[in-house]
N, C-alpha and C. Protein backbone atom coordinates (compact mmCIF):
# COMPACT_ATOMS: atom_id res chain seq x y z
N MET A 1 135.94 86.39 197.68
CA MET A 1 134.99 86.49 198.77
C MET A 1 135.32 85.41 199.80
N TYR A 2 135.44 85.83 201.04
CA TYR A 2 135.69 84.87 202.10
C TYR A 2 134.38 84.20 202.49
N VAL A 3 134.35 82.88 202.44
CA VAL A 3 133.14 82.13 202.77
C VAL A 3 133.49 81.10 203.85
N PRO A 4 133.04 81.30 205.09
CA PRO A 4 133.28 80.29 206.13
C PRO A 4 132.67 78.95 205.72
N PRO A 5 133.25 77.86 206.18
CA PRO A 5 132.78 76.53 205.76
C PRO A 5 131.28 76.32 205.94
N GLN A 6 130.70 76.82 207.06
CA GLN A 6 129.29 76.55 207.31
C GLN A 6 128.36 77.35 206.39
N HIS A 7 128.93 78.31 205.67
CA HIS A 7 128.12 79.14 204.77
C HIS A 7 128.35 78.80 203.30
N GLN A 8 129.10 77.74 203.04
CA GLN A 8 129.36 77.34 201.66
C GLN A 8 128.21 76.50 201.12
N SER A 9 128.04 76.56 199.80
CA SER A 9 127.04 75.73 199.13
C SER A 9 127.64 75.21 197.83
N PRO A 10 127.89 73.91 197.76
CA PRO A 10 128.48 73.35 196.53
C PRO A 10 127.44 73.08 195.45
N ASP A 11 126.20 73.35 195.73
CA ASP A 11 125.11 73.04 194.80
C ASP A 11 125.05 74.08 193.69
N SER A 12 125.53 73.73 192.51
CA SER A 12 125.55 74.69 191.39
C SER A 12 124.14 75.10 190.97
N ALA A 13 123.16 74.24 191.19
CA ALA A 13 121.78 74.59 190.84
C ALA A 13 121.31 75.77 191.68
N ARG A 14 121.71 75.81 192.95
CA ARG A 14 121.34 76.94 193.81
C ARG A 14 122.01 78.23 193.32
N HIS A 15 123.25 78.10 192.87
CA HIS A 15 123.96 79.28 192.36
C HIS A 15 123.21 79.87 191.16
N LEU A 16 122.84 79.01 190.23
CA LEU A 16 122.13 79.46 189.04
C LEU A 16 120.77 80.05 189.39
N GLU A 17 120.12 79.48 190.39
CA GLU A 17 118.82 79.99 190.80
C GLU A 17 118.94 81.44 191.28
N ILE A 18 119.99 81.73 192.05
CA ILE A 18 120.20 83.11 192.52
C ILE A 18 120.52 84.02 191.35
N MET A 19 121.35 83.57 190.43
CA MET A 19 121.72 84.38 189.28
C MET A 19 120.51 84.71 188.41
N ARG A 20 119.60 83.77 188.31
CA ARG A 20 118.40 83.99 187.48
C ARG A 20 117.33 84.79 188.24
N SER A 21 117.25 84.60 189.54
CA SER A 21 116.21 85.27 190.32
C SER A 21 116.58 86.71 190.68
N TYR A 22 117.88 87.01 190.71
CA TYR A 22 118.36 88.35 191.05
C TYR A 22 119.34 88.80 189.96
N PRO A 23 118.81 89.05 188.74
CA PRO A 23 119.67 89.24 187.57
C PRO A 23 120.30 90.62 187.43
N LEU A 24 119.91 91.58 188.28
CA LEU A 24 120.57 92.89 188.20
C LEU A 24 121.90 92.78 188.94
N ALA A 25 122.93 92.44 188.20
CA ALA A 25 124.24 92.17 188.79
C ALA A 25 125.08 93.43 188.84
N THR A 26 126.08 93.40 189.71
CA THR A 26 127.09 94.45 189.74
C THR A 26 128.28 93.96 188.93
N LEU A 27 128.57 94.64 187.84
CA LEU A 27 129.70 94.31 186.98
C LEU A 27 130.91 95.10 187.46
N ILE A 28 131.95 94.38 187.88
CA ILE A 28 133.14 95.02 188.44
C ILE A 28 134.34 94.69 187.55
N THR A 29 135.00 95.73 187.10
CA THR A 29 136.23 95.59 186.33
C THR A 29 137.25 96.59 186.87
N GLY A 30 138.47 96.52 186.36
CA GLY A 30 139.49 97.45 186.82
C GLY A 30 140.41 97.87 185.69
N THR A 31 140.81 99.11 185.73
CA THR A 31 141.76 99.64 184.76
C THR A 31 142.87 100.37 185.50
N ASP A 32 144.10 99.94 185.32
CA ASP A 32 145.25 100.57 185.98
C ASP A 32 145.07 100.60 187.49
N GLY A 33 144.49 99.51 188.01
CA GLY A 33 144.33 99.41 189.46
C GLY A 33 143.15 100.14 190.03
N VAL A 34 142.36 100.78 189.16
CA VAL A 34 141.19 101.54 189.63
C VAL A 34 139.93 100.72 189.35
N PRO A 35 139.17 100.33 190.39
CA PRO A 35 137.97 99.53 190.17
C PRO A 35 136.82 100.37 189.64
N GLU A 36 136.00 99.74 188.79
CA GLU A 36 134.79 100.38 188.28
C GLU A 36 133.64 99.40 188.46
N ALA A 37 132.45 99.91 188.70
CA ALA A 37 131.29 99.04 188.91
C ALA A 37 130.05 99.67 188.31
N SER A 38 129.23 98.83 187.70
CA SER A 38 127.94 99.26 187.16
C SER A 38 126.90 98.19 187.47
N HIS A 39 125.67 98.62 187.66
CA HIS A 39 124.57 97.70 187.88
C HIS A 39 123.92 97.42 186.53
N VAL A 40 123.95 96.15 186.13
CA VAL A 40 123.54 95.80 184.77
C VAL A 40 122.58 94.60 184.78
N PRO A 41 121.56 94.62 183.91
CA PRO A 41 120.71 93.44 183.76
C PRO A 41 121.47 92.35 183.03
N THR A 42 121.33 91.13 183.51
CA THR A 42 122.06 90.01 182.92
C THR A 42 121.11 88.85 182.67
N ILE A 43 121.60 87.89 181.91
CA ILE A 43 120.86 86.66 181.67
C ILE A 43 121.86 85.52 181.53
N VAL A 44 121.54 84.39 182.15
CA VAL A 44 122.38 83.20 181.97
C VAL A 44 122.14 82.70 180.55
N TRP A 45 123.15 82.89 179.71
CA TRP A 45 122.99 82.65 178.27
C TRP A 45 123.07 81.16 177.93
N SER A 46 124.00 80.48 178.56
CA SER A 46 124.15 79.05 178.28
C SER A 46 124.82 78.37 179.46
N GLN A 47 124.59 77.06 179.54
CA GLN A 47 125.20 76.23 180.57
C GLN A 47 125.66 74.94 179.93
N ALA A 48 126.95 74.67 180.02
CA ALA A 48 127.52 73.47 179.40
C ALA A 48 127.42 72.28 180.34
N ASP A 49 127.54 71.09 179.76
CA ASP A 49 127.48 69.86 180.54
C ASP A 49 128.61 69.78 181.55
N ASP A 50 129.73 70.43 181.25
CA ASP A 50 130.88 70.38 182.16
C ASP A 50 130.79 71.42 183.26
N GLY A 51 129.64 72.11 183.34
CA GLY A 51 129.44 73.10 184.39
C GLY A 51 129.77 74.51 183.97
N GLY A 52 130.32 74.70 182.78
CA GLY A 52 130.64 76.04 182.30
C GLY A 52 129.40 76.89 182.09
N ILE A 53 129.51 78.17 182.43
CA ILE A 53 128.38 79.09 182.32
C ILE A 53 128.80 80.32 181.53
N VAL A 54 127.92 80.77 180.67
CA VAL A 54 128.11 82.03 179.94
C VAL A 54 126.99 82.98 180.35
N VAL A 55 127.36 84.17 180.78
CA VAL A 55 126.40 85.20 181.17
C VAL A 55 126.54 86.36 180.20
N ARG A 56 125.40 86.85 179.73
CA ARG A 56 125.40 88.04 178.87
C ARG A 56 124.59 89.15 179.52
N GLY A 57 124.93 90.38 179.15
CA GLY A 57 124.22 91.53 179.69
C GLY A 57 124.40 92.72 178.78
N HIS A 58 123.80 93.84 179.15
CA HIS A 58 123.96 95.05 178.34
C HIS A 58 123.99 96.27 179.25
N MET A 59 124.55 97.33 178.71
CA MET A 59 124.68 98.58 179.46
C MET A 59 124.72 99.74 178.49
N ASN A 60 124.64 100.95 179.02
CA ASN A 60 124.66 102.18 178.22
C ASN A 60 126.08 102.42 177.70
N ARG A 61 126.19 102.62 176.38
CA ARG A 61 127.51 102.89 175.80
C ARG A 61 128.12 104.20 176.29
N ALA A 62 127.29 105.10 176.83
CA ALA A 62 127.82 106.36 177.36
C ALA A 62 128.53 106.14 178.70
N ASN A 63 128.35 104.97 179.29
CA ASN A 63 129.01 104.64 180.55
C ASN A 63 130.51 104.55 180.31
N PRO A 64 131.32 105.30 181.05
CA PRO A 64 132.78 105.23 180.84
C PRO A 64 133.34 103.81 181.01
N GLN A 65 132.71 103.00 181.83
CA GLN A 65 133.18 101.63 182.01
C GLN A 65 133.06 100.84 180.71
N TRP A 66 131.99 101.10 179.95
CA TRP A 66 131.81 100.41 178.68
C TRP A 66 132.99 100.67 177.74
N LYS A 67 133.43 101.90 177.70
CA LYS A 67 134.51 102.27 176.78
C LYS A 67 135.80 101.51 177.10
N ARG A 68 135.96 101.07 178.34
CA ARG A 68 137.18 100.37 178.72
C ARG A 68 137.04 98.85 178.67
N LEU A 69 135.83 98.36 178.42
CA LEU A 69 135.65 96.91 178.35
C LEU A 69 136.40 96.29 177.16
N ALA A 70 136.60 97.09 176.12
CA ALA A 70 137.30 96.58 174.93
C ALA A 70 138.73 96.16 175.25
N THR A 71 139.30 96.73 176.29
CA THR A 71 140.68 96.40 176.66
C THR A 71 140.74 95.68 178.01
N THR A 72 139.60 95.18 178.45
CA THR A 72 139.52 94.48 179.73
C THR A 72 139.35 92.99 179.49
N GLU A 73 140.07 92.18 180.23
CA GLU A 73 139.98 90.73 180.05
C GLU A 73 139.16 90.04 181.14
N GLN A 74 139.31 90.47 182.38
CA GLN A 74 138.66 89.80 183.49
C GLN A 74 137.58 90.69 184.11
N ALA A 75 136.51 90.03 184.58
CA ALA A 75 135.41 90.77 185.19
C ALA A 75 134.80 89.93 186.30
N LEU A 76 134.16 90.61 187.23
CA LEU A 76 133.45 89.97 188.33
C LEU A 76 132.00 90.44 188.30
N LEU A 77 131.07 89.47 188.30
CA LEU A 77 129.65 89.77 188.40
C LEU A 77 129.18 89.37 189.79
N VAL A 78 128.60 90.31 190.51
CA VAL A 78 128.10 90.05 191.85
C VAL A 78 126.58 90.03 191.82
N PHE A 79 126.00 88.90 192.20
CA PHE A 79 124.55 88.74 192.27
C PHE A 79 124.14 88.74 193.74
N ALA A 80 123.45 89.80 194.15
CA ALA A 80 123.02 89.93 195.54
C ALA A 80 121.62 89.35 195.69
N GLY A 81 121.51 88.28 196.46
CA GLY A 81 120.23 87.64 196.69
C GLY A 81 119.50 88.27 197.87
N PRO A 82 118.55 87.56 198.47
CA PRO A 82 117.79 88.13 199.59
C PRO A 82 118.68 88.33 200.80
N HIS A 83 118.34 89.34 201.61
CA HIS A 83 119.14 89.63 202.79
C HIS A 83 118.27 90.31 203.83
N GLY A 84 118.73 90.30 205.07
CA GLY A 84 117.98 90.95 206.12
C GLY A 84 118.73 90.99 207.43
N TYR A 85 118.40 91.99 208.23
CA TYR A 85 119.00 92.19 209.55
C TYR A 85 118.39 91.22 210.55
N VAL A 86 119.23 90.58 211.34
CA VAL A 86 118.78 89.64 212.36
C VAL A 86 118.94 90.30 213.73
N SER A 87 117.82 90.54 214.41
CA SER A 87 117.86 91.17 215.72
C SER A 87 118.22 90.16 216.80
N PRO A 88 119.03 90.56 217.80
CA PRO A 88 119.34 89.66 218.91
C PRO A 88 118.10 89.22 219.67
N VAL A 89 117.03 90.02 219.61
CA VAL A 89 115.79 89.68 220.30
C VAL A 89 115.26 88.33 219.80
N TRP A 90 115.48 88.04 218.52
CA TRP A 90 114.96 86.81 217.94
C TRP A 90 115.61 85.57 218.55
N TYR A 91 116.80 85.72 219.09
CA TYR A 91 117.51 84.59 219.68
C TYR A 91 116.93 84.20 221.04
N GLN A 92 116.29 85.17 221.71
CA GLN A 92 115.70 84.94 223.02
C GLN A 92 116.71 84.45 224.05
N VAL A 93 117.96 84.90 223.90
CA VAL A 93 119.00 84.58 224.86
C VAL A 93 119.85 85.83 225.07
N THR A 94 120.53 85.87 226.21
CA THR A 94 121.44 86.97 226.54
C THR A 94 122.71 86.37 227.13
N PRO A 95 123.90 86.84 226.74
CA PRO A 95 124.15 87.90 225.76
C PRO A 95 123.96 87.40 224.33
N ALA A 96 123.78 88.35 223.42
CA ALA A 96 123.63 88.05 222.00
C ALA A 96 124.10 89.25 221.19
N ALA A 97 124.30 89.05 219.92
CA ALA A 97 124.75 90.14 219.04
C ALA A 97 123.97 90.08 217.73
N PRO A 98 123.68 91.24 217.15
CA PRO A 98 122.97 91.25 215.86
C PRO A 98 123.87 90.76 214.74
N THR A 99 123.25 90.38 213.64
CA THR A 99 124.01 89.98 212.46
C THR A 99 123.16 90.24 211.23
N TRP A 100 123.64 89.80 210.09
CA TRP A 100 122.93 89.98 208.82
C TRP A 100 122.96 88.65 208.09
N ASP A 101 121.78 88.13 207.75
CA ASP A 101 121.69 86.94 206.92
C ASP A 101 121.57 87.36 205.47
N PHE A 102 122.20 86.61 204.56
CA PHE A 102 122.15 87.00 203.15
C PHE A 102 122.60 85.85 202.27
N VAL A 103 122.30 86.03 200.99
CA VAL A 103 122.76 85.10 199.96
C VAL A 103 123.44 85.93 198.88
N ALA A 104 124.61 85.50 198.44
CA ALA A 104 125.33 86.22 197.38
C ALA A 104 126.10 85.23 196.53
N VAL A 105 126.18 85.54 195.23
CA VAL A 105 126.94 84.72 194.30
C VAL A 105 127.90 85.62 193.54
N HIS A 106 129.17 85.25 193.50
CA HIS A 106 130.18 85.97 192.73
C HIS A 106 130.61 85.10 191.56
N ALA A 107 130.47 85.63 190.36
CA ALA A 107 130.87 84.90 189.15
C ALA A 107 132.01 85.66 188.48
N ARG A 108 133.15 85.03 188.39
CA ARG A 108 134.34 85.65 187.80
C ARG A 108 134.65 84.98 186.47
N GLY A 109 135.03 85.79 185.47
CA GLY A 109 135.33 85.20 184.18
C GLY A 109 135.94 86.16 183.20
N THR A 110 136.06 85.68 181.97
CA THR A 110 136.63 86.46 180.88
C THR A 110 135.51 87.22 180.18
N ILE A 111 135.71 88.52 179.99
CA ILE A 111 134.67 89.36 179.41
C ILE A 111 135.08 89.82 178.02
N ARG A 112 134.08 89.92 177.15
CA ARG A 112 134.29 90.52 175.83
C ARG A 112 133.02 91.26 175.43
N THR A 113 133.20 92.29 174.63
CA THR A 113 132.05 93.02 174.12
C THR A 113 131.55 92.35 172.84
N LEU A 114 130.26 92.49 172.58
CA LEU A 114 129.64 91.93 171.38
C LEU A 114 129.48 93.05 170.36
N ALA A 115 130.25 92.96 169.30
CA ALA A 115 130.30 94.06 168.33
C ALA A 115 129.11 94.05 167.38
N CYS A 116 128.58 92.89 167.08
CA CYS A 116 127.50 92.78 166.09
C CYS A 116 126.19 93.32 166.66
N PRO A 117 125.53 94.28 165.97
CA PRO A 117 124.25 94.82 166.46
C PRO A 117 123.20 93.73 166.66
N GLU A 118 123.19 92.72 165.80
CA GLU A 118 122.20 91.66 165.94
C GLU A 118 122.44 90.84 167.21
N GLU A 119 123.70 90.70 167.62
CA GLU A 119 123.99 90.02 168.88
C GLU A 119 123.45 90.83 170.06
N THR A 120 123.64 92.14 169.98
CA THR A 120 123.12 93.00 171.04
C THR A 120 121.61 92.91 171.12
N LEU A 121 120.95 92.94 169.96
CA LEU A 121 119.50 92.83 169.94
C LEU A 121 119.06 91.47 170.49
N ALA A 122 119.81 90.42 170.18
CA ALA A 122 119.47 89.09 170.68
C ALA A 122 119.54 89.05 172.20
N VAL A 123 120.55 89.71 172.78
CA VAL A 123 120.67 89.76 174.24
C VAL A 123 119.48 90.49 174.84
N ILE A 124 119.11 91.61 174.25
CA ILE A 124 117.99 92.39 174.77
C ILE A 124 116.69 91.61 174.64
N ARG A 125 116.49 90.95 173.51
CA ARG A 125 115.27 90.18 173.30
C ARG A 125 115.19 89.02 174.30
N ALA A 126 116.29 88.35 174.51
CA ALA A 126 116.30 87.23 175.45
C ALA A 126 116.03 87.71 176.88
N THR A 127 116.58 88.87 177.21
CA THR A 127 116.37 89.44 178.54
C THR A 127 114.90 89.78 178.74
N VAL A 128 114.31 90.44 177.74
CA VAL A 128 112.89 90.79 177.82
C VAL A 128 112.04 89.54 177.94
N SER A 129 112.33 88.55 177.12
CA SER A 129 111.54 87.33 177.13
C SER A 129 111.59 86.63 178.49
N ALA A 130 112.78 86.54 179.07
CA ALA A 130 112.95 85.85 180.35
C ALA A 130 112.23 86.56 181.48
N TYR A 131 112.33 87.88 181.53
CA TYR A 131 111.81 88.59 182.69
C TYR A 131 110.38 89.07 182.51
N GLU A 132 109.89 89.13 181.28
CA GLU A 132 108.46 89.31 181.09
C GLU A 132 107.72 88.09 181.62
N ALA A 133 108.31 86.92 181.42
CA ALA A 133 107.68 85.70 181.93
C ALA A 133 107.62 85.73 183.45
N LEU A 134 108.68 86.21 184.10
CA LEU A 134 108.68 86.30 185.55
C LEU A 134 107.71 87.36 186.06
N ALA A 135 107.58 88.45 185.30
CA ALA A 135 106.70 89.54 185.72
C ALA A 135 105.23 89.18 185.56
N GLY A 136 104.96 88.18 184.73
CA GLY A 136 103.59 87.73 184.56
C GLY A 136 102.77 88.53 183.58
N THR A 137 103.41 89.46 182.84
CA THR A 137 102.66 90.30 181.91
C THR A 137 102.71 89.79 180.47
N GLN A 138 103.80 89.05 180.15
CA GLN A 138 103.93 88.44 178.82
C GLN A 138 103.82 89.48 177.70
N TRP A 139 104.42 90.64 177.91
CA TRP A 139 104.41 91.67 176.87
C TRP A 139 105.14 91.16 175.64
N ASP A 140 104.54 91.35 174.48
CA ASP A 140 105.12 90.92 173.21
C ASP A 140 105.84 92.10 172.57
N MET A 141 107.14 91.97 172.37
CA MET A 141 107.92 93.08 171.86
C MET A 141 107.95 93.14 170.33
N THR A 142 107.23 92.26 169.66
CA THR A 142 107.28 92.18 168.19
C THR A 142 107.00 93.53 167.54
N ASP A 143 105.96 94.21 168.00
CA ASP A 143 105.58 95.49 167.39
C ASP A 143 106.53 96.63 167.73
N SER A 144 107.45 96.38 168.64
CA SER A 144 108.39 97.43 169.05
C SER A 144 109.81 97.19 168.57
N ILE A 145 110.00 96.17 167.74
CA ILE A 145 111.35 95.86 167.26
C ILE A 145 111.95 97.05 166.51
N GLY A 146 111.13 97.73 165.70
CA GLY A 146 111.63 98.90 164.98
C GLY A 146 112.15 99.96 165.93
N TYR A 147 111.41 100.20 167.02
CA TYR A 147 111.83 101.18 168.02
C TYR A 147 113.12 100.72 168.70
N PHE A 148 113.20 99.42 168.99
CA PHE A 148 114.41 98.89 169.61
C PHE A 148 115.61 99.14 168.71
N ARG A 149 115.44 98.94 167.41
CA ARG A 149 116.57 99.15 166.50
C ARG A 149 116.99 100.62 166.46
N GLN A 150 116.04 101.52 166.70
CA GLN A 150 116.38 102.95 166.71
C GLN A 150 117.23 103.31 167.93
N ILE A 151 116.89 102.74 169.08
CA ILE A 151 117.60 103.12 170.30
C ILE A 151 118.79 102.19 170.61
N MET A 152 118.90 101.11 169.86
CA MET A 152 119.93 100.11 170.15
C MET A 152 121.36 100.64 170.03
N PRO A 153 121.67 101.61 169.15
CA PRO A 153 123.05 102.11 169.11
C PRO A 153 123.55 102.66 170.43
N ALA A 154 122.63 103.00 171.33
CA ALA A 154 123.04 103.52 172.64
C ALA A 154 123.34 102.40 173.63
N ALA A 155 123.04 101.16 173.26
CA ALA A 155 123.25 100.03 174.17
C ALA A 155 124.39 99.17 173.68
N GLY A 156 125.16 98.67 174.61
CA GLY A 156 126.26 97.76 174.28
C GLY A 156 126.10 96.46 175.05
N ALA A 157 126.28 95.35 174.38
CA ALA A 157 126.15 94.04 175.03
C ALA A 157 127.52 93.44 175.29
N PHE A 158 127.59 92.61 176.31
CA PHE A 158 128.85 91.96 176.66
C PHE A 158 128.58 90.51 177.05
N GLU A 159 129.64 89.74 177.09
CA GLU A 159 129.56 88.33 177.45
C GLU A 159 130.66 88.00 178.44
N VAL A 160 130.31 87.27 179.48
CA VAL A 160 131.30 86.81 180.46
C VAL A 160 131.28 85.28 180.46
N VAL A 161 132.41 84.69 180.10
CA VAL A 161 132.58 83.25 180.18
C VAL A 161 133.09 82.95 181.59
N VAL A 162 132.23 82.42 182.42
CA VAL A 162 132.53 82.26 183.84
C VAL A 162 133.47 81.08 184.06
N HIS A 163 134.55 81.31 184.81
CA HIS A 163 135.47 80.22 185.13
C HIS A 163 135.58 79.96 186.63
N ASP A 164 134.89 80.78 187.43
CA ASP A 164 134.93 80.56 188.88
C ASP A 164 133.68 81.16 189.52
N ILE A 165 133.03 80.39 190.37
CA ILE A 165 131.86 80.87 191.10
C ILE A 165 132.08 80.64 192.59
N GLN A 166 131.85 81.69 193.36
CA GLN A 166 131.85 81.60 194.80
C GLN A 166 130.47 82.00 195.30
N ALA A 167 129.93 81.25 196.21
CA ALA A 167 128.60 81.53 196.74
C ALA A 167 128.63 81.51 198.25
N MET A 168 127.90 82.44 198.85
CA MET A 168 127.79 82.48 200.31
C MET A 168 126.33 82.48 200.69
N PHE A 169 125.94 81.47 201.47
CA PHE A 169 124.59 81.35 201.97
C PHE A 169 124.68 81.47 203.50
N LYS A 170 124.66 82.70 204.00
CA LYS A 170 124.75 82.96 205.44
C LYS A 170 123.33 82.98 205.99
N LEU A 171 122.91 81.89 206.59
CA LEU A 171 121.50 81.68 206.94
C LEU A 171 121.35 81.18 208.36
N SER A 172 122.10 81.79 209.26
CA SER A 172 122.03 81.47 210.70
C SER A 172 122.37 80.01 210.98
N GLN A 173 123.21 79.40 210.13
CA GLN A 173 123.58 77.99 210.35
C GLN A 173 124.36 77.78 211.65
N GLU A 174 124.98 78.86 212.16
CA GLU A 174 125.77 78.71 213.37
C GLU A 174 124.89 78.61 214.62
N GLN A 175 123.59 78.86 214.47
CA GLN A 175 122.66 78.79 215.59
C GLN A 175 122.02 77.41 215.71
N ARG A 176 121.44 77.16 216.87
CA ARG A 176 120.70 75.91 217.07
C ARG A 176 119.52 75.86 216.10
N PRO A 177 119.09 74.67 215.68
CA PRO A 177 118.00 74.57 214.70
C PRO A 177 116.74 75.32 215.10
N GLU A 178 116.39 75.30 216.38
CA GLU A 178 115.16 76.00 216.80
C GLU A 178 115.30 77.51 216.67
N ILE A 179 116.52 78.03 216.86
CA ILE A 179 116.73 79.47 216.67
C ILE A 179 116.75 79.80 215.19
N GLN A 180 117.38 78.95 214.39
CA GLN A 180 117.37 79.16 212.94
C GLN A 180 115.94 79.18 212.41
N GLN A 181 115.10 78.30 212.93
CA GLN A 181 113.71 78.28 212.53
C GLN A 181 112.98 79.54 212.97
N GLU A 182 113.30 80.03 214.17
CA GLU A 182 112.70 81.27 214.66
C GLU A 182 113.08 82.44 213.75
N VAL A 183 114.34 82.50 213.33
CA VAL A 183 114.79 83.56 212.42
C VAL A 183 114.02 83.50 211.11
N ALA A 184 113.84 82.29 210.58
CA ALA A 184 113.08 82.14 209.34
C ALA A 184 111.65 82.61 209.51
N CYS A 185 111.03 82.27 210.64
CA CYS A 185 109.65 82.69 210.89
C CYS A 185 109.54 84.21 210.99
N ARG A 186 110.51 84.81 211.65
CA ARG A 186 110.50 86.28 211.78
C ARG A 186 110.58 86.94 210.40
N PHE A 187 111.46 86.43 209.56
CA PHE A 187 111.57 87.00 208.21
C PHE A 187 110.28 86.77 207.42
N ALA A 188 109.71 85.58 207.54
CA ALA A 188 108.51 85.26 206.77
C ALA A 188 107.32 86.12 207.17
N SER A 189 107.35 86.67 208.39
CA SER A 189 106.20 87.42 208.89
C SER A 189 106.28 88.93 208.65
N THR A 190 107.37 89.41 208.04
CA THR A 190 107.50 90.86 207.86
C THR A 190 106.62 91.42 206.76
N GLY A 191 106.19 90.56 205.85
CA GLY A 191 105.39 91.04 204.72
C GLY A 191 106.21 91.49 203.53
N LEU A 192 107.52 91.47 203.65
CA LEU A 192 108.40 91.85 202.54
C LEU A 192 108.75 90.62 201.73
N SER A 193 108.60 90.72 200.41
CA SER A 193 108.85 89.55 199.56
C SER A 193 110.30 89.09 199.66
N MET A 194 111.24 90.05 199.79
CA MET A 194 112.64 89.67 199.89
C MET A 194 112.89 88.88 201.18
N HIS A 195 112.22 89.29 202.27
CA HIS A 195 112.39 88.57 203.52
C HIS A 195 111.79 87.18 203.45
N PHE A 196 110.67 87.05 202.74
CA PHE A 196 110.11 85.70 202.60
C PHE A 196 111.04 84.82 201.78
N ASP A 197 111.66 85.40 200.75
CA ASP A 197 112.64 84.63 199.97
C ASP A 197 113.81 84.20 200.86
N LEU A 198 114.19 85.07 201.79
CA LEU A 198 115.28 84.74 202.70
C LEU A 198 114.84 83.61 203.64
N ALA A 199 113.60 83.67 204.12
CA ALA A 199 113.07 82.59 204.96
C ALA A 199 113.06 81.27 204.19
N GLU A 200 112.67 81.32 202.92
CA GLU A 200 112.67 80.12 202.09
C GLU A 200 114.08 79.54 201.98
N ALA A 201 115.05 80.42 201.82
CA ALA A 201 116.45 79.95 201.72
C ALA A 201 116.89 79.29 203.03
N ILE A 202 116.48 79.87 204.16
CA ILE A 202 116.83 79.27 205.45
C ILE A 202 116.20 77.89 205.56
N TRP A 203 114.92 77.78 205.21
CA TRP A 203 114.25 76.49 205.27
C TRP A 203 114.92 75.46 204.35
N ASP A 204 115.34 75.91 203.18
CA ASP A 204 116.00 75.00 202.24
C ASP A 204 117.29 74.44 202.81
N HIS A 205 117.91 75.17 203.74
CA HIS A 205 119.18 74.73 204.32
C HIS A 205 118.99 74.06 205.67
N MET A 206 117.75 73.83 206.07
CA MET A 206 117.47 73.12 207.31
C MET A 206 117.04 71.70 207.00
N PRO A 207 117.37 70.75 207.86
CA PRO A 207 116.99 69.36 207.60
C PRO A 207 115.48 69.16 207.61
N ALA A 208 114.75 69.95 208.45
CA ALA A 208 113.29 69.82 208.52
C ALA A 208 112.76 71.01 209.31
N PRO A 209 111.52 71.46 209.01
CA PRO A 209 110.94 72.56 209.79
C PRO A 209 110.69 72.11 211.23
N LEU A 210 110.86 73.05 212.16
CA LEU A 210 110.69 72.76 213.57
C LEU A 210 109.56 73.61 214.15
N SER A 211 109.10 73.22 215.31
CA SER A 211 108.14 74.05 216.02
C SER A 211 108.88 75.20 216.70
N VAL A 212 108.21 76.33 216.79
CA VAL A 212 108.80 77.51 217.41
C VAL A 212 108.00 77.84 218.66
N VAL A 213 108.70 78.09 219.76
CA VAL A 213 108.03 78.42 221.01
C VAL A 213 108.13 79.91 221.25
N ARG A 214 106.98 80.57 221.37
CA ARG A 214 106.94 82.00 221.64
C ARG A 214 106.05 82.23 222.86
N ASN A 215 106.62 82.83 223.91
CA ASN A 215 105.86 83.16 225.12
C ASN A 215 105.14 81.94 225.68
N GLY A 216 105.80 80.79 225.61
CA GLY A 216 105.22 79.59 226.17
C GLY A 216 104.23 78.88 225.28
N ASP A 217 103.85 79.48 224.17
CA ASP A 217 102.90 78.86 223.25
C ASP A 217 103.65 78.28 222.06
N GLU A 218 103.38 77.02 221.76
CA GLU A 218 104.04 76.38 220.64
C GLU A 218 103.31 76.74 219.35
N LYS A 219 104.06 77.20 218.38
CA LYS A 219 103.47 77.62 217.10
C LYS A 219 104.27 77.01 215.97
N GLN A 220 103.60 76.31 215.07
CA GLN A 220 104.28 75.74 213.92
C GLN A 220 104.42 76.83 212.85
N CYS A 221 105.62 77.06 212.44
CA CYS A 221 105.87 78.07 211.41
C CYS A 221 106.66 77.41 210.31
N ASN A 222 106.06 77.25 209.14
CA ASN A 222 106.77 76.71 207.99
C ASN A 222 106.18 77.31 206.73
N ARG A 223 106.68 76.91 205.60
CA ARG A 223 106.28 77.54 204.35
C ARG A 223 104.83 77.27 203.98
N SER A 224 104.19 76.32 204.62
CA SER A 224 102.79 76.03 204.31
C SER A 224 101.83 76.80 205.20
N SER A 225 102.35 77.52 206.23
CA SER A 225 101.46 78.20 207.15
C SER A 225 101.18 79.62 206.68
């Protein structure tokens, strides 16, 4: 992934935050030069002190891509974070051109399938536990373990030992701070949760919130308003 210098983020904590907050990753592999991709739920399984990351996930064994993972060594996981269209109107200058602000993390590593059924069940249980907590429902799967074991033969788990992470945080950094703040305010006001997350990301990459001038009236727009 090409990442211009102003859109780079060396902060590994931010990378992990995106991977955990947007866990439906695109798993990309290739066989004989032909790329394959599947959208798969993932979980950050472990993080070593040296920065190493292990990601696990699962997919349907009927997926043709699964059948080829046994002979695949390298894989790319793409985590798409918040994104949104930026209208030239928001810049309040002419000439101007539209663009797209977004956050994305690419994790490349060595992939292997998990043959043990108990390992597969462990991945599914950990996934449920992590995202039930985020959903706020706290569903307890204990009473459904028997059902999980019945349907588990249809699911296959995999592990990616990540050896390279590239992240792109394209958040209007090329604009003046007051315009960057205006873009964040516009996203925050759409009512879409993804856009508010994008506004939060813009604010996180700004030195401080600024006042925004609209039609001659000064309006403070920040995450507390």
